[in-house]
């Protein structure tokens, strides 16, 4: 699943693919904001972690398939 996070005062967004479901990602973000945590940790499909400042999140877009698949379908 693709995740896009808009950062306040930044023209770019953080975009990555994860194996977690939309519910899991939303749960992590909701819990971090509810507990007044400074950071929320998210992991992509390659095992890289992204630490995002919860006060800087302007929006989160969840869903969609990962990147385009290349090749022939049989």
PDB file of N, CA and C in Angstrom:
ATOM      1  N   UNK A   1       0.828  -1.161   0.000  1.00  0.00           N
ATOM      2  CA  UNK A   1       0.000   0.000   0.000  1.00  0.00           C
ATOM      3  C   UNK A   1       0.884   1.240   0.000  1.00  0.00           C
ATOM      4  N   UNK A   2       0.440   2.275  -0.678  1.00  0.00           N
ATOM      5  CA  UNK A   2       1.185   3.521  -0.749  1.00  0.00           C
ATOM      6  C   UNK A   2       0.715   4.479   0.349  1.00  0.00           C
ATOM      7  N   UNK A   3       1.673   5.153   0.975  1.00  0.00           N
ATOM      8  CA  UNK A   3       1.393   6.143   2.009  1.00  0.00           C
ATOM      9  C   UNK A   3       2.015   7.462   1.570  1.00  0.00           C
ATOM     10  N   UNK A   4       1.249   8.548   1.677  1.00  0.00           N
ATOM     11  CA  UNK A   4       1.761   9.890   1.406  1.00  0.00           C
ATOM     12  C   UNK A   4       1.448  10.760   2.609  1.00  0.00           C
ATOM     13  N   UNK A   5       2.465  11.451   3.095  1.00  0.00           N
ATOM     14  CA  UNK A   5       2.302  12.314   4.259  1.00  0.00           C
ATOM     15  C   UNK A   5       2.733  13.719   3.882  1.00  0.00           C
ATOM     16  N   UNK A   6       1.824  14.658   4.045  1.00  0.00           N
ATOM     17  CA  UNK A   6       2.130  16.064   3.801  1.00  0.00           C
ATOM     18  C   UNK A   6       2.748  16.668   5.051  1.00  0.00           C
ATOM     19  N   UNK A   7       3.802  17.425   4.874  1.00  0.00           N
ATOM     20  CA  UNK A   7       4.521  18.053   5.981  1.00  0.00           C
ATOM     21  C   UNK A   7       4.268  19.564   5.922  1.00  0.00           C
ATOM     22  N   UNK A   8       3.889  20.145   7.063  1.00  0.00           N
ATOM     23  CA  UNK A   8       3.644  21.591   7.133  1.00  0.00           C
ATOM     24  C   UNK A   8       4.887  22.366   6.730  1.00  0.00           C
ATOM     25  N   UNK A   9       4.698  23.457   6.030  1.00  0.00           N
ATOM     26  CA  UNK A   9       5.770  24.370   5.617  1.00  0.00           C
ATOM     27  C   UNK A   9       6.811  23.695   4.723  1.00  0.00           C
ATOM     28  N   UNK A  10       6.392  22.650   4.005  1.00  0.00           N
ATOM     29  CA  UNK A  10       7.282  21.961   3.078  1.00  0.00           C
ATOM     30  C   UNK A  10       6.528  21.728   1.774  1.00  0.00           C
ATOM     31  N   UNK A  11       7.147  22.072   0.640  1.00  0.00           N
ATOM     32  CA  UNK A  11       6.454  21.872  -0.636  1.00  0.00           C
ATOM     33  C   UNK A  11       6.409  20.404  -1.067  1.00  0.00           C
ATOM     34  N   UNK A  12       7.195  19.557  -0.430  1.00  0.00           N
ATOM     35  CA  UNK A  12       7.242  18.145  -0.810  1.00  0.00           C
ATOM     36  C   UNK A  12       6.498  17.304   0.207  1.00  0.00           C
ATOM     37  N   UNK A  13       6.147  16.102  -0.215  1.00  0.00           N
ATOM     38  CA  UNK A  13       5.504  15.167   0.692  1.00  0.00           C
ATOM     39  C   UNK A  13       6.372  13.934   0.850  1.00  0.00           C
ATOM     40  N   UNK A  14       6.175  13.208   1.931  1.00  0.00           N
ATOM     41  CA  UNK A  14       6.870  11.956   2.170  1.00  0.00           C
ATOM     42  C   UNK A  14       6.014  10.855   1.577  1.00  0.00           C
ATOM     43  N   UNK A  15       6.550  10.087   0.627  1.00  0.00           N
ATOM     44  CA  UNK A  15       5.796   9.020  -0.030  1.00  0.00           C
ATOM     45  C   UNK A  15       6.612   7.739   0.000  1.00  0.00           C
ATOM     46  N   UNK A  16       5.970   6.643   0.399  1.00  0.00           N
ATOM     47  CA  UNK A  16       6.636   5.341   0.435  1.00  0.00           C
ATOM     48  C   UNK A  16       5.585   4.244   0.393  1.00  0.00           C
ATOM     49  N   UNK A  17       6.041   3.024   0.144  1.00  0.00           N
ATOM     50  CA  UNK A  17       5.163   1.858   0.112  1.00  0.00           C
ATOM     51  C   UNK A  17       5.407   1.028   1.360  1.00  0.00           C
ATOM     52  N   UNK A  18       4.337   0.478   1.907  1.00  0.00           N
ATOM     53  CA  UNK A  18       4.439  -0.345   3.099  1.00  0.00           C
ATOM     54  C   UNK A  18       3.589  -1.593   2.952  1.00  0.00           C
ATOM     55  N   UNK A  19       3.927  -2.603   3.718  1.00  0.00           N
ATOM     56  CA  UNK A  19       3.151  -3.839   3.708  1.00  0.00           C
ATOM     57  C   UNK A  19       2.023  -3.794   4.731  1.00  0.00           C
ATOM     58  N   UNK A  20       2.022  -2.772   5.583  1.00  0.00           N
ATOM     59  CA  UNK A  20       0.972  -2.617   6.591  1.00  0.00           C
ATOM     60  C   UNK A  20      -0.333  -2.209   5.918  1.00  0.00           C
ATOM     61  N   UNK A  21      -1.430  -2.522   6.562  1.00  0.00           N
ATOM     62  CA  UNK A  21      -2.738  -2.135   6.020  1.00  0.00           C
ATOM     63  C   UNK A  21      -3.020  -0.668   6.354  1.00  0.00           C
ATOM     64  N   UNK A  22      -4.023  -0.121   5.699  1.00  0.00           N
ATOM     65  CA  UNK A  22      -4.411   1.272   5.961  1.00  0.00           C
ATOM     66  C   UNK A  22      -4.838   1.439   7.416  1.00  0.00           C
ATOM     67  N   UNK A  23      -5.521   0.456   7.962  1.00  0.00           N
ATOM     68  CA  UNK A  23      -5.948   0.501   9.357  1.00  0.00           C
ATOM     69  C   UNK A  23      -4.783   0.515  10.330  1.00  0.00           C
ATOM     70  N   UNK A  24      -3.744  -0.261  10.023  1.00  0.00           N
ATOM     71  CA  UNK A  24      -2.566  -0.300  10.892  1.00  0.00           C
ATOM     72  C   UNK A  24      -1.825   1.033  10.887  1.00  0.00           C
ATOM     73  N   UNK A  25      -1.640   1.609   9.706  1.00  0.00           N
ATOM     74  CA  UNK A  25      -0.937   2.890   9.602  1.00  0.00           C
ATOM     75  C   UNK A  25      -1.743   3.975  10.291  1.00  0.00           C
ATOM     76  N   UNK A  26      -3.040   3.996  10.049  1.00  0.00           N
ATOM     77  CA  UNK A  26      -3.881   4.999  10.702  1.00  0.00           C
ATOM     78  C   UNK A  26      -3.854   4.828  12.215  1.00  0.00           C
ATOM     79  N   UNK A  27      -3.873   3.587  12.679  1.00  0.00           N
ATOM     80  CA  UNK A  27      -3.807   3.322  14.118  1.00  0.00           C
ATOM     81  C   UNK A  27      -2.523   3.842  14.740  1.00  0.00           C
ATOM     82  N   UNK A  28      -1.393   3.644  14.063  1.00  0.00           N
ATOM     83  CA  UNK A  28      -0.115   4.150  14.568  1.00  0.00           C
ATOM     84  C   UNK A  28      -0.113   5.671  14.672  1.00  0.00           C
ATOM     85  N   UNK A  29      -0.621   6.324  13.640  1.00  0.00           N
ATOM     86  CA  UNK A  29      -0.636   7.786  13.627  1.00  0.00           C
ATOM     87  C   UNK A  29      -1.621   8.320  14.664  1.00  0.00           C
ATOM     88  N   UNK A  30      -2.806   7.729  14.734  1.00  0.00           N
ATOM     89  CA  UNK A  30      -3.797   8.158  15.721  1.00  0.00           C
ATOM     90  C   UNK A  30      -3.280   7.987  17.146  1.00  0.00           C
ATOM     91  N   UNK A  31      -2.634   6.861  17.417  1.00  0.00           N
ATOM     92  CA  UNK A  31      -2.111   6.596  18.761  1.00  0.00           C
ATOM     93  C   UNK A  31      -1.008   7.586  19.132  1.00  0.00           C
ATOM     94  N   UNK A  32      -0.124   7.876  18.182  1.00  0.00           N
ATOM     95  CA  UNK A  32       0.961   8.816  18.459  1.00  0.00           C
ATOM     96  C   UNK A  32       0.423  10.206  18.760  1.00  0.00           C
ATOM     97  N   UNK A  33      -0.591  10.636  18.018  1.00  0.00           N
ATOM     98  CA  UNK A  33      -1.169  11.965  18.243  1.00  0.00           C
ATOM     99  C   UNK A  33      -1.943  11.984  19.567  1.00  0.00           C
ATOM    100  N   UNK A  34      -2.697  10.935  19.868  1.00  0.00           N
ATOM    101  CA  UNK A  34      -3.486  10.870  21.095  1.00  0.00           C
ATOM    102  C   UNK A  34      -2.606  10.857  22.344  1.00  0.00           C
ATOM    103  N   UNK A  35      -1.426  10.233  22.239  1.00  0.00           N
ATOM    104  CA  UNK A  35      -0.510  10.139  23.377  1.00  0.00           C
ATOM    105  C   UNK A  35       0.455  11.307  23.439  1.00  0.00           C
ATOM    106  N   UNK A  36       0.265  12.296  22.585  1.00  0.00           N
ATOM    107  CA  UNK A  36       1.152  13.462  22.507  1.00  0.00           C
ATOM    108  C   UNK A  36       2.613  13.070  22.291  1.00  0.00           C
ATOM    109  N   UNK A  37       2.829  12.002  21.513  1.00  0.00           N
ATOM    110  CA  UNK A  37       4.188  11.596  21.160  1.00  0.00           C
ATOM    111  C   UNK A  37       4.771  12.596  20.182  1.00  0.00           C
ATOM    112  N   UNK A  38       6.056  12.861  20.304  1.00  0.00           N
ATOM    113  CA  UNK A  38       6.719  13.797  19.401  1.00  0.00           C
ATOM    114  C   UNK A  38       6.885  13.203  18.012  1.00  0.00           C
ATOM    115  N   UNK A  39       7.084  11.882  17.941  1.00  0.00           N
ATOM    116  CA  UNK A  39       7.355  11.221  16.662  1.00  0.00           C
ATOM    117  C   UNK A  39       6.459  10.004  16.472  1.00  0.00           C
ATOM    118  N   UNK A  40       6.210   9.680  15.223  1.00  0.00           N
ATOM    119  CA  UNK A  40       5.574   8.424  14.864  1.00  0.00           C
ATOM    120  C   UNK A  40       6.536   7.699  13.928  1.00  0.00           C
ATOM    121  N   UNK A  41       6.737   6.402  14.152  1.00  0.00           N
ATOM    122  CA  UNK A  41       7.667   5.605  13.355  1.00  0.00           C
ATOM    123  C   UNK A  41       6.884   4.728  12.384  1.00  0.00           C
ATOM    124  N   UNK A  42       7.235   4.826  11.095  1.00  0.00           N
ATOM    125  CA  UNK A  42       6.609   4.024  10.053  1.00  0.00           C
ATOM    126  C   UNK A  42       7.695   3.300   9.279  1.00  0.00           C
ATOM    127  N   UNK A  43       7.412   2.080   8.830  1.00  0.00           N
ATOM    128  CA  UNK A  43       8.402   1.261   8.127  1.00  0.00           C
ATOM    129  C   UNK A  43       7.920   0.958   6.721  1.00  0.00           C
ATOM    130  N   UNK A  44       8.827   1.078   5.728  1.00  0.00           N
ATOM    131  CA  UNK A  44       8.457   0.788   4.345  1.00  0.00           C
ATOM    132  C   UNK A  44       8.740  -0.668   4.010  1.00  0.00           C
ATOM    133  N   UNK A  45       8.497  -1.051   2.756  1.00  0.00           N
ATOM    134  CA  UNK A  45       8.656  -2.445   2.333  1.00  0.00           C
ATOM    135  C   UNK A  45      10.104  -2.912   2.330  1.00  0.00           C
ATOM    136  N   UNK A  46      11.046  -1.991   2.298  1.00  0.00           N
ATOM    137  CA  UNK A  46      12.471  -2.354   2.312  1.00  0.00           C
ATOM    138  C   UNK A  46      13.060  -2.366   3.717  1.00  0.00           C
ATOM    139  N   UNK A  47      12.235  -2.096   4.720  1.00  0.00           N
ATOM    140  CA  UNK A  47      12.700  -2.118   6.100  1.00  0.00           C
ATOM    141  C   UNK A  47      13.237  -0.787   6.607  1.00  0.00           C
ATOM    142  N   UNK A  48      13.171   0.256   5.783  1.00  0.00           N
ATOM    143  CA  UNK A  48      13.616   1.580   6.232  1.00  0.00           C
ATOM    144  C   UNK A  48      12.554   2.178   7.134  1.00  0.00           C
ATOM    145  N   UNK A  49      13.002   2.869   8.182  1.00  0.00           N
ATOM    146  CA  UNK A  49      12.067   3.520   9.088  1.00  0.00           C
ATOM    147  C   UNK A  49      12.032   5.016   8.842  1.00  0.00           C
ATOM    148  N   UNK A  50      10.849   5.573   8.943  1.00  0.00           N
ATOM    149  CA  UNK A  50      10.645   7.011   8.804  1.00  0.00           C
ATOM    150  C   UNK A  50      10.091   7.512  10.132  1.00  0.00           C
ATOM    151  N   UNK A  51      10.761   8.490  10.722  1.00  0.00           N
ATOM    152  CA  UNK A  51      10.294   9.115  11.951  1.00  0.00           C
ATOM    153  C   UNK A  51       9.725  10.472  11.576  1.00  0.00           C
ATOM    154  N   UNK A  52       8.437  10.645  11.817  1.00  0.00           N
ATOM    155  CA  UNK A  52       7.746  11.858  11.404  1.00  0.00           C
ATOM    156  C   UNK A  52       7.277  12.613  12.643  1.00  0.00           C
ATOM    157  N   UNK A  53       7.572  13.911  12.681  1.00  0.00           N
ATOM    158  CA  UNK A  53       7.128  14.770  13.762  1.00  0.00           C
ATOM    159  C   UNK A  53       5.609  14.906  13.685  1.00  0.00           C
ATOM    160  N   UNK A  54       4.906  14.491  14.731  1.00  0.00           N
ATOM    161  CA  UNK A  54       3.447  14.486  14.697  1.00  0.00           C
ATOM    162  C   UNK A  54       2.860  15.897  14.589  1.00  0.00           C
ATOM    163  N   UNK A  55       3.552  16.904  15.098  1.00  0.00           N
ATOM    164  CA  UNK A  55       3.060  18.279  14.997  1.00  0.00           C
ATOM    165  C   UNK A  55       3.180  18.826  13.580  1.00  0.00           C
ATOM    166  N   UNK A  56       4.016  18.220  12.755  1.00  0.00           N
ATOM    167  CA  UNK A  56       4.260  18.714  11.397  1.00  0.00           C
ATOM    168  C   UNK A  56       3.399  18.049  10.336  1.00  0.00           C
ATOM    169  N   UNK A  57       2.589  17.079  10.712  1.00  0.00           N
ATOM    170  CA  UNK A  57       1.752  16.371   9.739  1.00  0.00           C
ATOM    171  C   UNK A  57       0.573  17.251   9.352  1.00  0.00           C
ATOM    172  N   UNK A  58       0.448  17.532   8.048  1.00  0.00           N
ATOM    173  CA  UNK A  58      -0.706  18.310   7.589  1.00  0.00           C
ATOM    174  C   UNK A  58      -1.786  17.392   7.003  1.00  0.00           C
ATOM    175  N   UNK A  59      -1.389  16.279   6.375  1.00  0.00           N
ATOM    176  CA  UNK A  59      -2.359  15.301   5.887  1.00  0.00           C
ATOM    177  C   UNK A  59      -1.674  13.954   5.693  1.00  0.00           C
ATOM    178  N   UNK A  60      -2.478  12.897   5.662  1.00  0.00           N
ATOM    179  CA  UNK A  60      -1.994  11.547   5.387  1.00  0.00           C
ATOM    180  C   UNK A  60      -2.926  10.938   4.353  1.00  0.00           C
ATOM    181  N   UNK A  61      -2.347  10.452   3.255  1.00  0.00           N
ATOM    182  CA  UNK A  61      -3.122   9.787   2.215  1.00  0.00           C
ATOM    183  C   UNK A  61      -2.761   8.315   2.238  1.00  0.00           C
ATOM    184  N   UNK A  62      -3.750   7.469   2.430  1.00  0.00           N
ATOM    185  CA  UNK A  62      -3.528   6.030   2.526  1.00  0.00           C
ATOM    186  C   UNK A  62      -4.251   5.330   1.394  1.00  0.00           C
ATOM    187  N   UNK A  63      -3.632   4.281   0.875  1.00  0.00           N
ATOM    188  CA  UNK A  63      -4.327   3.453  -0.083  1.00  0.00           C
ATOM    189  C   UNK A  63      -3.663   3.368  -1.423  1.00  0.00           C
ATOM    190  N   UNK A  64      -4.355   2.688  -2.268  1.00  0.00           N
ATOM    191  CA  UNK A  64      -3.834   2.482  -3.610  1.00  0.00           C
ATOM    192  C   UNK A  64      -2.819   1.370  -3.638  1.00  0.00           C
ATOM    193  N   UNK A  65      -2.678   0.850  -4.793  1.00  0.00           N
ATOM    194  CA  UNK A  65      -1.663  -0.167  -5.015  1.00  0.00           C
ATOM    195  C   UNK A  65      -0.303   0.476  -4.958  1.00  0.00           C
ATOM    196  N   UNK A  66       0.725  -0.340  -4.834  1.00  0.00           N
ATOM    197  CA  UNK A  66       2.085   0.170  -4.889  1.00  0.00           C
ATOM    198  C   UNK A  66       2.377   0.695  -6.272  1.00  0.00           C
ATOM    199  N   UNK A  67       3.618   0.853  -6.608  1.00  0.00           N
ATOM    200  CA  UNK A  67       4.011   1.396  -7.913  1.00  0.00           C
ATOM    201  C   UNK A  67       3.479   0.565  -9.062  1.00  0.00           C
ATOM    202  N   UNK A  68       3.665   1.079 -10.244  1.00  0.00           N
ATOM    203  CA  UNK A  68       3.195   0.364 -11.427  1.00  0.00           C
ATOM    204  C   UNK A  68       3.965  -0.924 -11.617  1.00  0.00           C
ATOM    205  N   UNK A  69       3.263  -1.949 -12.045  1.00  0.00           N
ATOM    206  CA  UNK A  69       3.901  -3.229 -12.334  1.00  0.00           C
ATOM    207  C   UNK A  69       4.305  -3.237 -13.798  1.00  0.00           C
ATOM    208  N   UNK A  70       5.508  -3.738 -14.047  1.00  0.00           N
ATOM    209  CA  UNK A  70       6.040  -3.767 -15.413  1.00  0.00           C
ATOM    210  C   UNK A  70       6.113  -5.215 -15.876  1.00  0.00           C
ATOM    211  N   UNK A  71       5.748  -5.459 -17.102  1.00  0.00           N
ATOM    212  CA  UNK A  71       5.856  -6.800 -17.643  1.00  0.00           C
ATOM    213  C   UNK A  71       4.555  -7.262 -18.261  1.00  0.00           C
ATOM    214  N   UNK A  72       4.553  -8.491 -18.687  1.00  0.00           N
ATOM    215  CA  UNK A  72       3.384  -9.041 -19.332  1.00  0.00           C
ATOM    216  C   UNK A  72       2.617  -9.914 -18.354  1.00  0.00           C
ATOM    217  N   UNK A  73       1.320  -9.866 -18.452  1.00  0.00           N
ATOM    218  CA  UNK A  73       0.468 -10.692 -17.608  1.00  0.00           C
ATOM    219  C   UNK A  73       0.027 -11.876 -18.441  1.00  0.00           C
ATOM    220  N   UNK A  74       0.211 -13.079 -17.890  1.00  0.00           N
ATOM    221  CA  UNK A  74      -0.171 -14.265 -18.661  1.00  0.00           C
ATOM    222  C   UNK A  74      -1.463 -14.843 -18.162  1.00  0.00           C
TER     223      UNK A  74
END
